[in-house]
Amino acid sequence: MPRTTTMTVRVSGALSEFVATNVGEDGAYENVSEYIRDLIRRDKERAEREAFDRLKAELNRAFAAPEDSYKPLTAADVIARNRN
């Protein structure tokens, strides 16, 4: 069962006004909680996309490397290398 956490966030000034324009009758969200959840989801997606892009770049570099630069590794070699 997913855990629910209640959080208190304080914003004032321009940030508060900006939130108010996005919530309610004229905004895209019914309430502040809905707006914050959407922001968190989008930030999570961004972080996951950045991690994927880093992995993809690393794989592209590996596949572009000359064949003779590869060396055979055992599972134990990989595990030992990743512990460092």
PDB file of N, CA and C in Angstrom:
ATOM      1  N   MET A   1       0.839  -1.175   0.000  1.00  0.00           N
ATOM      2  CA  MET A   1       0.000   0.000   0.000  1.00  0.00           C
ATOM      3  C   MET A   1       0.889   1.246   0.000  1.00  0.00           C
ATOM      4  N   PRO A   2       0.650   2.182  -0.904  1.00  0.00           N
ATOM      5  CA  PRO A   2       1.474   3.391  -0.974  1.00  0.00           C
ATOM      6  C   PRO A   2       1.359   4.217   0.305  1.00  0.00           C
ATOM      7  N   ARG A   3       2.457   4.816   0.668  1.00  0.00           N
ATOM      8  CA  ARG A   3       2.503   5.668   1.847  1.00  0.00           C
ATOM      9  C   ARG A   3       2.061   7.075   1.471  1.00  0.00           C
ATOM     10  N   THR A   4       1.279   7.690   2.325  1.00  0.00           N
ATOM     11  CA  THR A   4       0.854   9.071   2.117  1.00  0.00           C
ATOM     12  C   THR A   4       1.565   9.950   3.130  1.00  0.00           C
ATOM     13  N   THR A   5       2.122  11.036   2.660  1.00  0.00           N
ATOM     14  CA  THR A   5       2.818  11.972   3.523  1.00  0.00           C
ATOM     15  C   THR A   5       2.144  13.332   3.404  1.00  0.00           C
ATOM     16  N   THR A   6       1.869  13.910   4.535  1.00  0.00           N
ATOM     17  CA  THR A   6       1.329  15.267   4.541  1.00  0.00           C
ATOM     18  C   THR A   6       2.488  16.228   4.717  1.00  0.00           C
ATOM     19  N   MET A   7       2.548  17.237   3.866  1.00  0.00           N
ATOM     20  CA  MET A   7       3.637  18.209   3.915  1.00  0.00           C
ATOM     21  C   MET A   7       3.049  19.611   3.988  1.00  0.00           C
ATOM     22  N   THR A   8       3.757  20.473   4.665  1.00  0.00           N
ATOM     23  CA  THR A   8       3.366  21.868   4.723  1.00  0.00           C
ATOM     24  C   THR A   8       4.401  22.669   3.946  1.00  0.00           C
ATOM     25  N   VAL A   9       3.932  23.460   3.013  1.00  0.00           N
ATOM     26  CA  VAL A   9       4.822  24.282   2.196  1.00  0.00           C
ATOM     27  C   VAL A   9       4.365  25.725   2.316  1.00  0.00           C
ATOM     28  N   ARG A  10       5.297  26.591   2.593  1.00  0.00           N
ATOM     29  CA  ARG A  10       4.957  28.008   2.707  1.00  0.00           C
ATOM     30  C   ARG A  10       5.555  28.767   1.523  1.00  0.00           C
ATOM     31  N   VAL A  11       4.727  29.513   0.857  1.00  0.00           N
ATOM     32  CA  VAL A  11       5.191  30.392  -0.211  1.00  0.00           C
ATOM     33  C   VAL A  11       4.563  31.761   0.012  1.00  0.00           C
ATOM     34  N   SER A  12       5.246  32.766  -0.424  1.00  0.00           N
ATOM     35  CA  SER A  12       4.713  34.115  -0.258  1.00  0.00           C
ATOM     36  C   SER A  12       5.068  34.958  -1.473  1.00  0.00           C
ATOM     37  N   GLY A  13       4.509  36.123  -1.508  1.00  0.00           N
ATOM     38  CA  GLY A  13       4.837  37.073  -2.562  1.00  0.00           C
ATOM     39  C   GLY A  13       4.492  36.575  -3.946  1.00  0.00           C
ATOM     40  N   ALA A  14       5.447  36.749  -4.851  1.00  0.00           N
ATOM     41  CA  ALA A  14       5.228  36.409  -6.253  1.00  0.00           C
ATOM     42  C   ALA A  14       4.932  34.920  -6.435  1.00  0.00           C
ATOM     43  N   LEU A  15       5.579  34.059  -5.631  1.00  0.00           N
ATOM     44  CA  LEU A  15       5.309  32.625  -5.768  1.00  0.00           C
ATOM     45  C   LEU A  15       3.873  32.309  -5.378  1.00  0.00           C
ATOM     46  N   SER A  16       3.415  32.895  -4.295  1.00  0.00           N
ATOM     47  CA  SER A  16       2.040  32.680  -3.855  1.00  0.00           C
ATOM     48  C   SER A  16       1.048  33.172  -4.901  1.00  0.00           C
ATOM     49  N   GLU A  17       1.316  34.323  -5.464  1.00  0.00           N
ATOM     50  CA  GLU A  17       0.439  34.874  -6.503  1.00  0.00           C
ATOM     51  C   GLU A  17       0.427  33.968  -7.737  1.00  0.00           C
ATOM     52  N   PHE A  18       1.580  33.439  -8.090  1.00  0.00           N
ATOM     53  CA  PHE A  18       1.666  32.556  -9.245  1.00  0.00           C
ATOM     54  C   PHE A  18       0.852  31.291  -9.013  1.00  0.00           C
ATOM     55  N   VAL A  19       0.984  30.711  -7.831  1.00  0.00           N
ATOM     56  CA  VAL A  19       0.197  29.520  -7.507  1.00  0.00           C
ATOM     57  C   VAL A  19      -1.285  29.852  -7.599  1.00  0.00           C
ATOM     58  N   ALA A  20      -1.688  30.967  -7.049  1.00  0.00           N
ATOM     59  CA  ALA A  20      -3.102  31.359  -7.050  1.00  0.00           C
ATOM     60  C   ALA A  20      -3.651  31.479  -8.467  1.00  0.00           C
ATOM     61  N   THR A  21      -2.825  31.914  -9.423  1.00  0.00           N
ATOM     62  CA  THR A  21      -3.308  32.048 -10.799  1.00  0.00           C
ATOM     63  C   THR A  21      -3.505  30.694 -11.475  1.00  0.00           C
ATOM     64  N   ASN A  22      -2.861  29.654 -10.928  1.00  0.00           N
ATOM     65  CA  ASN A  22      -2.954  28.317 -11.512  1.00  0.00           C
ATOM     66  C   ASN A  22      -3.976  27.419 -10.822  1.00  0.00           C
ATOM     67  N   VAL A  23      -4.599  27.922  -9.766  1.00  0.00           N
ATOM     68  CA  VAL A  23      -5.519  27.124  -8.958  1.00  0.00           C
ATOM     69  C   VAL A  23      -6.875  27.832  -8.904  1.00  0.00           C
ATOM     70  N   GLY A  24      -7.917  27.022  -8.884  1.00  0.00           N
ATOM     71  CA  GLY A  24      -9.252  27.589  -8.719  1.00  0.00           C
ATOM     72  C   GLY A  24      -9.993  27.716 -10.032  1.00  0.00           C
ATOM     73  N   GLU A  25     -10.999  28.529 -10.005  1.00  0.00           N
ATOM     74  CA  GLU A  25     -11.915  28.667 -11.142  1.00  0.00           C
ATOM     75  C   GLU A  25     -11.219  29.051 -12.446  1.00  0.00           C
ATOM     76  N   ASP A  26     -10.235  29.948 -12.361  1.00  0.00           N
ATOM     77  CA  ASP A  26      -9.547  30.406 -13.570  1.00  0.00           C
ATOM     78  C   ASP A  26      -8.267  29.632 -13.873  1.00  0.00           C
ATOM     79  N   GLY A  27      -7.856  28.757 -12.962  1.00  0.00           N
ATOM     80  CA  GLY A  27      -6.603  28.028 -13.139  1.00  0.00           C
ATOM     81  C   GLY A  27      -6.799  26.647 -13.722  1.00  0.00           C
ATOM     82  N   ALA A  28      -5.706  25.982 -13.941  1.00  0.00           N
ATOM     83  CA  ALA A  28      -5.729  24.639 -14.524  1.00  0.00           C
ATOM     84  C   ALA A  28      -5.944  23.553 -13.476  1.00  0.00           C
ATOM     85  N   TYR A  29      -5.837  23.906 -12.201  1.00  0.00           N
ATOM     86  CA  TYR A  29      -5.944  22.929 -11.124  1.00  0.00           C
ATOM     87  C   TYR A  29      -7.058  23.322 -10.163  1.00  0.00           C
ATOM     88  N   GLU A  30      -7.714  22.305  -9.602  1.00  0.00           N
ATOM     89  CA  GLU A  30      -8.801  22.570  -8.654  1.00  0.00           C
ATOM     90  C   GLU A  30      -8.290  23.079  -7.321  1.00  0.00           C
ATOM     91  N   ASN A  31      -7.133  22.564  -6.893  1.00  0.00           N
ATOM     92  CA  ASN A  31      -6.613  22.979  -5.589  1.00  0.00           C
ATOM     93  C   ASN A  31      -5.084  22.933  -5.609  1.00  0.00           C
ATOM     94  N   VAL A  32      -4.492  23.477  -4.562  1.00  0.00           N
ATOM     95  CA  VAL A  32      -3.036  23.574  -4.486  1.00  0.00           C
ATOM     96  C   VAL A  32      -2.397  22.189  -4.440  1.00  0.00           C
ATOM     97  N   SER A  33      -3.000  21.250  -3.727  1.00  0.00           N
ATOM     98  CA  SER A  33      -2.434  19.900  -3.635  1.00  0.00           C
ATOM     99  C   SER A  33      -2.315  19.253  -5.009  1.00  0.00           C
ATOM    100  N   GLU A  34      -3.350  19.410  -5.811  1.00  0.00           N
ATOM    101  CA  GLU A  34      -3.330  18.855  -7.167  1.00  0.00           C
ATOM    102  C   GLU A  34      -2.196  19.478  -7.977  1.00  0.00           C
ATOM    103  N   TYR A  35      -2.027  20.773  -7.840  1.00  0.00           N
ATOM    104  CA  TYR A  35      -0.979  21.500  -8.555  1.00  0.00           C
ATOM    105  C   TYR A  35       0.401  21.015  -8.114  1.00  0.00           C
ATOM    106  N   ILE A  36       0.627  20.897  -6.823  1.00  0.00           N
ATOM    107  CA  ILE A  36       1.920  20.460  -6.303  1.00  0.00           C
ATOM    108  C   ILE A  36       2.226  19.023  -6.722  1.00  0.00           C
ATOM    109  N   ARG A  37       1.226  18.145  -6.651  1.00  0.00           N
ATOM    110  CA  ARG A  37       1.441  16.756  -7.091  1.00  0.00           C
ATOM    111  C   ARG A  37       1.863  16.709  -8.551  1.00  0.00           C
ATOM    112  N   ASP A  38       1.229  17.536  -9.391  1.00  0.00           N
ATOM    113  CA  ASP A  38       1.593  17.564 -10.808  1.00  0.00           C
ATOM    114  C   ASP A  38       3.020  18.076 -10.995  1.00  0.00           C
ATOM    115  N   LEU A  39       3.404  19.109 -10.248  1.00  0.00           N
ATOM    116  CA  LEU A  39       4.772  19.618 -10.337  1.00  0.00           C
ATOM    117  C   LEU A  39       5.780  18.554  -9.925  1.00  0.00           C
ATOM    118  N   ILE A  40       5.473  17.812  -8.862  1.00  0.00           N
ATOM    119  CA  ILE A  40       6.379  16.763  -8.401  1.00  0.00           C
ATOM    120  C   ILE A  40       6.482  15.653  -9.446  1.00  0.00           C
ATOM    121  N   ARG A  41       5.353  15.255 -10.019  1.00  0.00           N
ATOM    122  CA  ARG A  41       5.379  14.217 -11.061  1.00  0.00           C
ATOM    123  C   ARG A  41       6.237  14.653 -12.243  1.00  0.00           C
ATOM    124  N   ARG A  42       6.061  15.902 -12.676  1.00  0.00           N
ATOM    125  CA  ARG A  42       6.838  16.390 -13.816  1.00  0.00           C
ATOM    126  C   ARG A  42       8.326  16.462 -13.494  1.00  0.00           C
ATOM    127  N   ASP A  43       8.663  16.853 -12.261  1.00  0.00           N
ATOM    128  CA  ASP A  43      10.062  16.907 -11.861  1.00  0.00           C
ATOM    129  C   ASP A  43      10.650  15.503 -11.803  1.00  0.00           C
ATOM    130  N   LYS A  44       9.878  14.541 -11.318  1.00  0.00           N
ATOM    131  CA  LYS A  44      10.319  13.139 -11.284  1.00  0.00           C
ATOM    132  C   LYS A  44      10.569  12.637 -12.701  1.00  0.00           C
ATOM    133  N   GLU A  45       9.653  12.930 -13.618  1.00  0.00           N
ATOM    134  CA  GLU A  45       9.826  12.527 -15.019  1.00  0.00           C
ATOM    135  C   GLU A  45      11.075  13.161 -15.618  1.00  0.00           C
ATOM    136  N   ARG A  46      11.323  14.435 -15.300  1.00  0.00           N
ATOM    137  CA  ARG A  46      12.514  15.126 -15.797  1.00  0.00           C
ATOM    138  C   ARG A  46      13.777  14.440 -15.287  1.00  0.00           C
ATOM    139  N   ALA A  47      13.809  14.108 -13.994  1.00  0.00           N
ATOM    140  CA  ALA A  47      14.978  13.453 -13.410  1.00  0.00           C
ATOM    141  C   ALA A  47      15.202  12.083 -14.054  1.00  0.00           C
ATOM    142  N   GLU A  48      14.135  11.344 -14.277  1.00  0.00           N
ATOM    143  CA  GLU A  48      14.251  10.030 -14.921  1.00  0.00           C
ATOM    144  C   GLU A  48      14.730  10.165 -16.362  1.00  0.00           C
ATOM    145  N   ARG A  49      14.228  11.172 -17.070  1.00  0.00           N
ATOM    146  CA  ARG A  49      14.651  11.412 -18.459  1.00  0.00           C
ATOM    147  C   ARG A  49      16.139  11.774 -18.507  1.00  0.00           C
ATOM    148  N   GLU A  50      16.598  12.609 -17.559  1.00  0.00           N
ATOM    149  CA  GLU A  50      18.009  12.981 -17.520  1.00  0.00           C
ATOM    150  C   GLU A  50      18.890  11.761 -17.229  1.00  0.00           C
ATOM    151  N   ALA A  51      18.449  10.894 -16.312  1.00  0.00           N
ATOM    152  CA  ALA A  51      19.207   9.684 -16.002  1.00  0.00           C
ATOM    153  C   ALA A  51      19.276   8.780 -17.239  1.00  0.00           C
ATOM    154  N   PHE A  52      18.159   8.642 -17.945  1.00  0.00           N
ATOM    155  CA  PHE A  52      18.127   7.832 -19.155  1.00  0.00           C
ATOM    156  C   PHE A  52      19.051   8.426 -20.217  1.00  0.00           C
ATOM    157  N   ASP A  53      19.029   9.746 -20.371  1.00  0.00           N
ATOM    158  CA  ASP A  53      19.895  10.399 -21.361  1.00  0.00           C
ATOM    159  C   ASP A  53      21.371  10.185 -21.031  1.00  0.00           C
ATOM    160  N   ARG A  54      21.729  10.222 -19.739  1.00  0.00           N
ATOM    161  CA  ARG A  54      23.125   9.951 -19.352  1.00  0.00           C
ATOM    162  C   ARG A  54      23.502   8.515 -19.697  1.00  0.00           C
ATOM    163  N   LEU A  55      22.603   7.579 -19.411  1.00  0.00           N
ATOM    164  CA  LEU A  55      22.864   6.177 -19.737  1.00  0.00           C
ATOM    165  C   LEU A  55      23.004   5.991 -21.247  1.00  0.00           C
ATOM    166  N   LYS A  56      22.106   6.619 -21.992  1.00  0.00           N
ATOM    167  CA  LYS A  56      22.150   6.501 -23.451  1.00  0.00           C
ATOM    168  C   LYS A  56      23.459   7.068 -24.005  1.00  0.00           C
ATOM    169  N   ALA A  57      23.908   8.206 -23.464  1.00  0.00           N
ATOM    170  CA  ALA A  57      25.166   8.798 -23.917  1.00  0.00           C
ATOM    171  C   ALA A  57      26.339   7.876 -23.611  1.00  0.00           C
ATOM    172  N   GLU A  58      26.319   7.264 -22.428  1.00  0.00           N
ATOM    173  CA  GLU A  58      27.388   6.331 -22.067  1.00  0.00           C
ATOM    174  C   GLU A  58      27.395   5.123 -22.994  1.00  0.00           C
ATOM    175  N   LEU A  59      26.222   4.598 -23.292  1.00  0.00           N
ATOM    176  CA  LEU A  59      26.140   3.456 -24.214  1.00  0.00           C
ATOM    177  C   LEU A  59      26.590   3.839 -25.618  1.00  0.00           C
ATOM    178  N   ASN A  60      26.212   5.023 -26.067  1.00  0.00           N
ATOM    179  CA  ASN A  60      26.656   5.476 -27.391  1.00  0.00           C
ATOM    180  C   ASN A  60      28.175   5.569 -27.462  1.00  0.00           C
ATOM    181  N   ARG A  61      28.804   6.090 -26.379  1.00  0.00           N
ATOM    182  CA  ARG A  61      30.275   6.149 -26.350  1.00  0.00           C
ATOM    183  C   ARG A  61      30.863   4.742 -26.387  1.00  0.00           C
ATOM    184  N   ALA A  62      30.249   3.832 -25.634  1.00  0.00           N
ATOM    185  CA  ALA A  62      30.773   2.458 -25.594  1.00  0.00           C
ATOM    186  C   ALA A  62      30.661   1.790 -26.960  1.00  0.00           C
ATOM    187  N   PHE A  63      29.526   1.958 -27.626  1.00  0.00           N
ATOM    188  CA  PHE A  63      29.343   1.328 -28.931  1.00  0.00           C
ATOM    189  C   PHE A  63      30.206   1.972 -30.012  1.00  0.00           C
ATOM    190  N   ALA A  64      30.606   3.216 -29.801  1.00  0.00           N
ATOM    191  CA  ALA A  64      31.449   3.902 -30.777  1.00  0.00           C
ATOM    192  C   ALA A  64      32.928   3.584 -30.582  1.00  0.00           C
ATOM    193  N   ALA A  65      33.267   2.963 -29.458  1.00  0.00           N
ATOM    194  CA  ALA A  65      34.675   2.641 -29.175  1.00  0.00           C
ATOM    195  C   ALA A  65      35.170   1.565 -30.141  1.00  0.00           C
ATOM    196  N   PRO A  66      36.446   1.615 -30.486  1.00  0.00           N
ATOM    197  CA  PRO A  66      37.005   0.594 -31.380  1.00  0.00           C
ATOM    198  C   PRO A  66      36.902  -0.792 -30.738  1.00  0.00           C
ATOM    199  N   GLU A  67      36.696  -1.775 -31.566  1.00  0.00           N
ATOM    200  CA  GLU A  67      36.523  -3.161 -31.099  1.00  0.00           C
ATOM    201  C   GLU A  67      37.696  -3.633 -30.237  1.00  0.00           C
ATOM    202  N   ASP A  68      38.913  -3.212 -30.597  1.00  0.00           N
ATOM    203  CA  ASP A  68      40.077  -3.696 -29.848  1.00  0.00           C
ATOM    204  C   ASP A  68      40.210  -3.058 -28.465  1.00  0.00           C
ATOM    205  N   SER A  69      39.379  -2.074 -28.157  1.00  0.00           N
ATOM    206  CA  SER A  69      39.427  -1.476 -26.811  1.00  0.00           C
ATOM    207  C   SER A  69      38.589  -2.256 -25.800  1.00  0.00           C
ATOM    208  N   TYR A  70      37.803  -3.194 -26.289  1.00  0.00           N
ATOM    209  CA  TYR A  70      36.991  -4.025 -25.401  1.00  0.00           C
ATOM    210  C   TYR A  70      37.847  -5.104 -24.775  1.00  0.00           C
ATOM    211  N   LYS A  71      37.530  -5.461 -23.529  1.00  0.00           N
ATOM    212  CA  LYS A  71      38.215  -6.582 -22.901  1.00  0.00           C
ATOM    213  C   LYS A  71      37.169  -7.433 -22.190  1.00  0.00           C
ATOM    214  N   PRO A  72      37.376  -8.732 -22.199  1.00  0.00           N
ATOM    215  CA  PRO A  72      36.393  -9.607 -21.555  1.00  0.00           C
ATOM    216  C   PRO A  72      36.384  -9.407 -20.039  1.00  0.00           C
ATOM    217  N   LEU A  73      35.198  -9.406 -19.465  1.00  0.00           N
ATOM    218  CA  LEU A  73      35.032  -9.273 -18.018  1.00  0.00           C
ATOM    219  C   LEU A  73      34.127 -10.375 -17.506  1.00  0.00           C
ATOM    220  N   THR A  74      34.438 -10.855 -16.339  1.00  0.00           N
ATOM    221  CA  THR A  74      33.541 -11.799 -15.683  1.00  0.00           C
ATOM    222  C   THR A  74      32.545 -11.008 -14.837  1.00  0.00           C
ATOM    223  N   ALA A  75      31.525 -11.688 -14.367  1.00  0.00           N
ATOM    224  CA  ALA A  75      30.561 -11.031 -13.477  1.00  0.00           C
ATOM    225  C   ALA A  75      31.273 -10.517 -12.226  1.00  0.00           C
ATOM    226  N   ALA A  76      32.217 -11.272 -11.722  1.00  0.00           N
ATOM    227  CA  ALA A  76      32.969 -10.855 -10.534  1.00  0.00           C
ATOM    228  C   ALA A  76      33.764  -9.579 -10.813  1.00  0.00           C
ATOM    229  N   ASP A  77      34.328  -9.451 -12.028  1.00  0.00           N
ATOM    230  CA  ASP A  77      35.051  -8.229 -12.410  1.00  0.00           C
ATOM    231  C   ASP A  77      34.131  -7.014 -12.371  1.00  0.00           C
ATOM    232  N   VAL A  78      32.943  -7.170 -12.927  1.00  0.00           N
ATOM    233  CA  VAL A  78      31.979  -6.064 -12.974  1.00  0.00           C
ATOM    234  C   VAL A  78      31.552  -5.677 -11.560  1.00  0.00           C
ATOM    235  N   ILE A  79      31.247  -6.662 -10.735  1.00  0.00           N
ATOM    236  CA  ILE A  79      30.833  -6.389  -9.357  1.00  0.00           C
ATOM    237  C   ILE A  79      31.949  -5.683  -8.605  1.00  0.00           C
ATOM    238  N   ALA A  80      33.170  -6.147  -8.745  1.00  0.00           N
ATOM    239  CA  ALA A  80      34.312  -5.516  -8.064  1.00  0.00           C
ATOM    240  C   ALA A  80      34.501  -4.088  -8.546  1.00  0.00           C
ATOM    241  N   ARG A  81      34.381  -3.867  -9.849  1.00  0.00           N
ATOM    242  CA  ARG A  81      34.552  -2.508 -10.401  1.00  0.00           C
ATOM    243  C   ARG A  81      33.479  -1.578  -9.881  1.00  0.00           C
ATOM    244  N   ASN A  82      32.254  -2.044  -9.748  1.00  0.00           N
ATOM    245  CA  ASN A  82      31.157  -1.192  -9.303  1.00  0.00           C
ATOM    246  C   ASN A  82      31.164  -0.938  -7.807  1.00  0.00           C
ATOM    247  N   ARG A  83      31.939  -1.684  -7.060  1.00  0.00           N
ATOM    248  CA  ARG A  83      32.053  -1.440  -5.613  1.00  0.00           C
ATOM    249  C   ARG A  83      32.949  -0.254  -5.323  1.00  0.00           C
ATOM    250  N   ASN A  84      33.789   0.111  -6.262  1.00  0.00           N
ATOM    251  CA  ASN A  84      34.736   1.224  -6.058  1.00  0.00           C
ATOM    252  C   ASN A  84      34.097   2.554  -6.223  1.00  0.00           C
TER     253      ASN A  84
END
